[in-house]
Amino acid sequence: MTAADLVVMPTHVRFRGRRFPRTIGRGGLTPAATKAEGDMATPRGVHHIVDMLYRADRMAQPAPWARPIGPHDLWSDDPAHPDYNHLVRAPYTHSCESLRRADPMYDLILVTDWNYPAAVPGRGSAIFLHQWRGPGRPTAGCVAFRRDHLRWIAARLEPFNRLVIA
């Protein structure tokens, strides 16, 4: 492992010589082989950060490679649809998550390559790094941080940095 890896530890994430408190999925950590849609678990393994999305109406561009979230941007979580675990746009009549939320949780999203881009139906979707609801408040399977910590991390990430969840 290198200093450029985001390493998920039992109580924090290590990155570039610093430690950041984090939350994970309500279902805890799960082996990649048993990860399933809706299990609320964070998949173990070595993943990569493949995209960075942000709300341009709420913050400045956090890194040169970050892309703004548009008003119609959604993320498909419908295992029966060919767009499963991909960015889609409204109108979209299948199950999905809005990336443009009223709360600040998705103001900055680091997209992982968990089950992406060649998604296997039912293996889990939308495993992101994003802002937390608060310390100790679990996610639906993502890794979440305090807003200022997430912004610090995002400013120092490069595409395909590794996320190591042991």
C-alpha atoms as a PDB file:
ATOM      1  CA  MET A   1       0.000   0.000   0.000  1.00  0.00           C
ATOM      2  CA  THR A   2       1.056   3.550  -0.626  1.00  0.00           C
ATOM      3  CA  ALA A   3       0.217   6.939   0.915  1.00  0.00           C
ATOM      4  CA  ALA A   4      -1.995   7.575  -2.148  1.00  0.00           C
ATOM      5  CA  ASP A   5      -4.281   4.657  -1.187  1.00  0.00           C
ATOM      6  CA  LEU A   6      -7.423   5.329   0.826  1.00  0.00           C
ATOM      7  CA  VAL A   7      -7.248   2.570   3.435  1.00  0.00           C
ATOM      8  CA  VAL A   8     -10.383   1.818   5.444  1.00  0.00           C
ATOM      9  CA  MET A   9      -9.407   0.876   8.990  1.00  0.00           C
ATOM     10  CA  PRO A  10     -11.721  -0.194  11.862  1.00  0.00           C
ATOM     11  CA  THR A  11     -12.415   3.402  12.965  1.00  0.00           C
ATOM     12  CA  HIS A  12     -10.965   5.658  10.289  1.00  0.00           C
ATOM     13  CA  VAL A  13      -9.518   5.983   6.794  1.00  0.00           C
ATOM     14  CA  ARG A  14      -5.803   6.542   6.216  1.00  0.00           C
ATOM     15  CA  PHE A  15      -4.843   8.771   3.301  1.00  0.00           C
ATOM     16  CA  ARG A  16      -1.709  10.812   2.552  1.00  0.00           C
ATOM     17  CA  GLY A  17      -0.374  10.489   6.097  1.00  0.00           C
ATOM     18  CA  ARG A  18      -3.618  11.578   7.774  1.00  0.00           C
ATOM     19  CA  ARG A  19      -6.457   9.792   9.538  1.00  0.00           C
ATOM     20  CA  PHE A  20     -10.118  10.620   8.918  1.00  0.00           C
ATOM     21  CA  PRO A  21     -13.075   9.327  10.919  1.00  0.00           C
ATOM     22  CA  ARG A  22     -15.529   7.516   8.670  1.00  0.00           C
ATOM     23  CA  THR A  23     -18.782   5.618   8.649  1.00  0.00           C
ATOM     24  CA  ILE A  24     -19.614   2.536   6.618  1.00  0.00           C
ATOM     25  CA  GLY A  25     -22.725   0.573   5.726  1.00  0.00           C
ATOM     26  CA  ARG A  26     -25.309  -0.370   8.343  1.00  0.00           C
ATOM     27  CA  GLY A  27     -24.626  -4.009   7.399  1.00  0.00           C
ATOM     28  CA  GLY A  28     -20.908  -3.668   8.237  1.00  0.00           C
ATOM     29  CA  LEU A  29     -18.186  -4.973   5.963  1.00  0.00           C
ATOM     30  CA  THR A  30     -18.973  -7.914   3.710  1.00  0.00           C
ATOM     31  CA  PRO A  31     -16.818 -10.146   1.514  1.00  0.00           C
ATOM     32  CA  ALA A  32     -16.990  -9.081  -2.128  1.00  0.00           C
ATOM     33  CA  ALA A  33     -18.278 -12.553  -3.064  1.00  0.00           C
ATOM     34  CA  THR A  34     -21.409 -12.134  -0.939  1.00  0.00           C
ATOM     35  CA  LYS A  35     -22.186  -8.450  -1.574  1.00  0.00           C
ATOM     36  CA  ALA A  36     -25.799  -8.059  -2.697  1.00  0.00           C
ATOM     37  CA  GLU A  37     -28.106  -5.198  -3.655  1.00  0.00           C
ATOM     38  CA  GLY A  38     -29.908  -3.893  -0.577  1.00  0.00           C
ATOM     39  CA  ASP A  39     -27.750  -5.655   2.053  1.00  0.00           C
ATOM     40  CA  MET A  40     -26.585  -2.254   3.387  1.00  0.00           C
ATOM     41  CA  ALA A  41     -23.014  -3.610   3.583  1.00  0.00           C
ATOM     42  CA  THR A  42     -19.728  -2.114   2.422  1.00  0.00           C
ATOM     43  CA  PRO A  43     -17.826  -4.530   0.155  1.00  0.00           C
ATOM     44  CA  ARG A  44     -14.310  -5.548   1.142  1.00  0.00           C
ATOM     45  CA  GLY A  45     -11.578  -5.500  -1.474  1.00  0.00           C
ATOM     46  CA  VAL A  46      -9.426  -3.180  -3.509  1.00  0.00           C
ATOM     47  CA  HIS A  47     -11.524  -0.718  -5.452  1.00  0.00           C
ATOM     48  CA  HIS A  48     -10.610   2.352  -7.474  1.00  0.00           C
ATOM     49  CA  ILE A  49     -11.970   5.883  -7.566  1.00  0.00           C
ATOM     50  CA  VAL A  50     -13.222   6.225 -11.140  1.00  0.00           C
ATOM     51  CA  ASP A  51     -15.169   9.485 -11.101  1.00  0.00           C
ATOM     52  CA  MET A  52     -15.787  12.574  -9.012  1.00  0.00           C
ATOM     53  CA  LEU A  53     -19.128  14.355  -9.150  1.00  0.00           C
ATOM     54  CA  TYR A  54     -20.070  17.563  -7.338  1.00  0.00           C
ATOM     55  CA  ARG A  55     -22.862  20.104  -6.948  1.00  0.00           C
ATOM     56  CA  ALA A  56     -21.550  23.201  -8.739  1.00  0.00           C
ATOM     57  CA  ASP A  57     -24.407  25.230  -7.254  1.00  0.00           C
ATOM     58  CA  ARG A  58     -23.143  24.420  -3.736  1.00  0.00           C
ATOM     59  CA  MET A  59     -19.346  24.296  -3.996  1.00  0.00           C
ATOM     60  CA  ALA A  60     -16.386  25.129  -6.175  1.00  0.00           C
ATOM     61  CA  GLN A  61     -14.902  22.394  -8.338  1.00  0.00           C
ATOM     62  CA  PRO A  62     -12.983  20.219  -5.826  1.00  0.00           C
ATOM     63  CA  ALA A  63     -10.443  18.866  -8.350  1.00  0.00           C
ATOM     64  CA  PRO A  64      -9.692  19.516 -12.027  1.00  0.00           C
ATOM     65  CA  TRP A  65     -11.217  16.185 -13.082  1.00  0.00           C
ATOM     66  CA  ALA A  66     -14.469  16.580 -11.097  1.00  0.00           C
ATOM     67  CA  ARG A  67     -17.695  16.808 -13.113  1.00  0.00           C
ATOM     68  CA  PRO A  68     -20.806  18.744 -12.085  1.00  0.00           C
ATOM     69  CA  ILE A  69     -23.976  16.881 -11.135  1.00  0.00           C
ATOM     70  CA  GLY A  70     -26.795  17.988 -13.406  1.00  0.00           C
ATOM     71  CA  PRO A  71     -30.404  18.504 -12.349  1.00  0.00           C
ATOM     72  CA  HIS A  72     -31.477  15.288 -14.105  1.00  0.00           C
ATOM     73  CA  ASP A  73     -28.602  13.024 -12.981  1.00  0.00           C
ATOM     74  CA  LEU A  74     -29.609   9.742 -11.347  1.00  0.00           C
ATOM     75  CA  TRP A  75     -27.892   6.443 -10.502  1.00  0.00           C
ATOM     76  CA  SER A  76     -29.670   3.245 -11.555  1.00  0.00           C
ATOM     77  CA  ASP A  77     -30.096   0.649  -8.805  1.00  0.00           C
ATOM     78  CA  ASP A  78     -32.479  -1.574 -10.766  1.00  0.00           C
ATOM     79  CA  PRO A  79     -30.766  -4.974 -11.251  1.00  0.00           C
ATOM     80  CA  ALA A  80     -33.243  -5.876 -13.999  1.00  0.00           C
ATOM     81  CA  HIS A  81     -32.283  -2.917 -16.173  1.00  0.00           C
ATOM     82  CA  PRO A  82     -29.255  -2.763 -18.550  1.00  0.00           C
ATOM     83  CA  ASP A  83     -28.230   0.587 -16.969  1.00  0.00           C
ATOM     84  CA  TYR A  84     -27.866  -1.022 -13.507  1.00  0.00           C
ATOM     85  CA  ASN A  85     -25.146   0.683 -11.450  1.00  0.00           C
ATOM     86  CA  HIS A  86     -24.600   3.461 -13.973  1.00  0.00           C
ATOM     87  CA  LEU A  87     -25.257   7.169 -14.203  1.00  0.00           C
ATOM     88  CA  VAL A  88     -28.581   7.774 -15.969  1.00  0.00           C
ATOM     89  CA  ARG A  89     -30.683  10.852 -16.587  1.00  0.00           C
ATOM     90  CA  ALA A  90     -34.315  11.688 -15.919  1.00  0.00           C
ATOM     91  CA  PRO A  91     -36.806  10.873 -17.090  1.00  0.00           C
ATOM     92  CA  TYR A  92     -35.972   7.338 -15.981  1.00  0.00           C
ATOM     93  CA  THR A  93     -38.825   5.067 -14.946  1.00  0.00           C
ATOM     94  CA  HIS A  94     -36.766   2.338 -13.261  1.00  0.00           C
ATOM     95  CA  SER A  95     -35.472   2.222  -9.687  1.00  0.00           C
ATOM     96  CA  CYS A  96     -32.746   4.809  -9.121  1.00  0.00           C
ATOM     97  CA  GLU A  97     -31.199   7.301  -6.728  1.00  0.00           C
ATOM     98  CA  SER A  98     -31.234  11.023  -7.355  1.00  0.00           C
ATOM     99  CA  LEU A  99     -27.713  12.441  -7.310  1.00  0.00           C
ATOM    100  CA  ARG A 100     -29.052  15.962  -6.818  1.00  0.00           C
ATOM    101  CA  ARG A 101     -30.374  15.600  -3.282  1.00  0.00           C
ATOM    102  CA  ALA A 102     -31.983  18.253  -1.103  1.00  0.00           C
ATOM    103  CA  ASP A 103     -29.605  17.342   1.746  1.00  0.00           C
ATOM    104  CA  PRO A 104     -25.816  17.803   1.370  1.00  0.00           C
ATOM    105  CA  MET A 105     -24.870  14.098   1.385  1.00  0.00           C
ATOM    106  CA  TYR A 106     -24.223  13.975  -2.359  1.00  0.00           C
ATOM    107  CA  ASP A 107     -22.776  17.454  -2.815  1.00  0.00           C
ATOM    108  CA  LEU A 108     -19.507  15.629  -3.523  1.00  0.00           C
ATOM    109  CA  ILE A 109     -19.429  12.001  -4.670  1.00  0.00           C
ATOM    110  CA  LEU A 110     -16.374   9.859  -5.303  1.00  0.00           C
ATOM    111  CA  VAL A 111     -17.534   6.974  -7.494  1.00  0.00           C
ATOM    112  CA  THR A 112     -15.873   3.593  -7.008  1.00  0.00           C
ATOM    113  CA  ASP A 113     -15.490   0.797  -9.513  1.00  0.00           C
ATOM    114  CA  TRP A 114     -17.427  -1.622  -7.294  1.00  0.00           C
ATOM    115  CA  ASN A 115     -19.491  -3.676  -9.776  1.00  0.00           C
ATOM    116  CA  TYR A 116     -18.771  -1.031 -12.419  1.00  0.00           C
ATOM    117  CA  PRO A 117     -18.613  -0.604 -15.381  1.00  0.00           C
ATOM    118  CA  ALA A 118     -19.498  -4.238 -16.184  1.00  0.00           C
ATOM    119  CA  ALA A 119     -22.234  -4.521 -13.568  1.00  0.00           C
ATOM    120  CA  VAL A 120     -23.453  -7.940 -12.480  1.00  0.00           C
ATOM    121  CA  PRO A 121     -27.171  -7.662 -11.663  1.00  0.00           C
ATOM    122  CA  GLY A 122     -27.833  -7.802  -7.929  1.00  0.00           C
ATOM    123  CA  ARG A 123     -24.179  -7.479  -6.792  1.00  0.00           C
ATOM    124  CA  GLY A 124     -24.731  -3.978  -5.389  1.00  0.00           C
ATOM    125  CA  SER A 125     -24.796  -0.477  -6.770  1.00  0.00           C
ATOM    126  CA  ALA A 126     -23.860   3.099  -5.905  1.00  0.00           C
ATOM    127  CA  ILE A 127     -20.914   2.305  -3.648  1.00  0.00           C
ATOM    128  CA  PHE A 128     -19.639   5.856  -3.249  1.00  0.00           C
ATOM    129  CA  LEU A 129     -17.572   7.962  -0.904  1.00  0.00           C
ATOM    130  CA  HIS A 130     -19.697  10.911   0.201  1.00  0.00           C
ATOM    131  CA  GLN A 131     -20.553  13.205   3.095  1.00  0.00           C
ATOM    132  CA  TRP A 132     -21.869  11.549   6.240  1.00  0.00           C
ATOM    133  CA  ARG A 133     -25.101  12.252   8.109  1.00  0.00           C
ATOM    134  CA  GLY A 134     -23.041  12.464  11.288  1.00  0.00           C
ATOM    135  CA  PRO A 135     -20.407  10.543  13.242  1.00  0.00           C
ATOM    136  CA  GLY A 136     -21.406   6.941  13.793  1.00  0.00           C
ATOM    137  CA  ARG A 137     -24.479   7.198  11.543  1.00  0.00           C
ATOM    138  CA  PRO A 138     -24.194   4.355   9.026  1.00  0.00           C
ATOM    139  CA  THR A 139     -24.682   4.496   5.271  1.00  0.00           C
ATOM    140  CA  ALA A 140     -26.459   2.138   2.892  1.00  0.00           C
ATOM    141  CA  GLY A 141     -23.077   0.594   1.957  1.00  0.00           C
ATOM    142  CA  CYS A 142     -20.897   3.588   1.123  1.00  0.00           C
ATOM    143  CA  VAL A 143     -17.958   5.074   3.005  1.00  0.00           C
ATOM    144  CA  ALA A 144     -18.826   8.524   4.346  1.00  0.00           C
ATOM    145  CA  PHE A 145     -16.876  11.408   5.872  1.00  0.00           C
ATOM    146  CA  ARG A 146     -17.235  14.784   7.497  1.00  0.00           C
ATOM    147  CA  ARG A 147     -17.673  17.415   4.771  1.00  0.00           C
ATOM    148  CA  ASP A 148     -14.341  19.201   5.251  1.00  0.00           C
ATOM    149  CA  HIS A 149     -12.473  15.885   5.362  1.00  0.00           C
ATOM    150  CA  LEU A 150     -14.135  14.680   2.157  1.00  0.00           C
ATOM    151  CA  ARG A 151     -13.183  17.924   0.410  1.00  0.00           C
ATOM    152  CA  TRP A 152      -9.569  17.624   1.639  1.00  0.00           C
ATOM    153  CA  ILE A 153      -9.399  14.062   0.323  1.00  0.00           C
ATOM    154  CA  ALA A 154     -11.020  14.967  -3.024  1.00  0.00           C
ATOM    155  CA  ALA A 155      -8.566  17.799  -3.634  1.00  0.00           C
ATOM    156  CA  ARG A 156      -5.668  15.329  -3.359  1.00  0.00           C
ATOM    157  CA  LEU A 157      -7.108  12.370  -5.251  1.00  0.00           C
ATOM    158  CA  GLU A 158      -6.226  11.382  -8.757  1.00  0.00           C
ATOM    159  CA  PRO A 159      -8.361   9.176 -10.990  1.00  0.00           C
ATOM    160  CA  PHE A 160      -7.960   5.498 -10.167  1.00  0.00           C
ATOM    161  CA  ASN A 161      -6.494   6.011  -6.694  1.00  0.00           C
ATOM    162  CA  ARG A 162      -7.125   2.810  -4.779  1.00  0.00           C
ATOM    163  CA  LEU A 163      -9.705   2.361  -2.017  1.00  0.00           C
ATOM    164  CA  VAL A 164      -8.611  -0.575   0.150  1.00  0.00           C
ATOM    165  CA  ILE A 165     -11.294  -2.064   2.385  1.00  0.00           C
ATOM    166  CA  ALA A 166      -9.859  -5.002   4.353  1.00  0.00           C
END
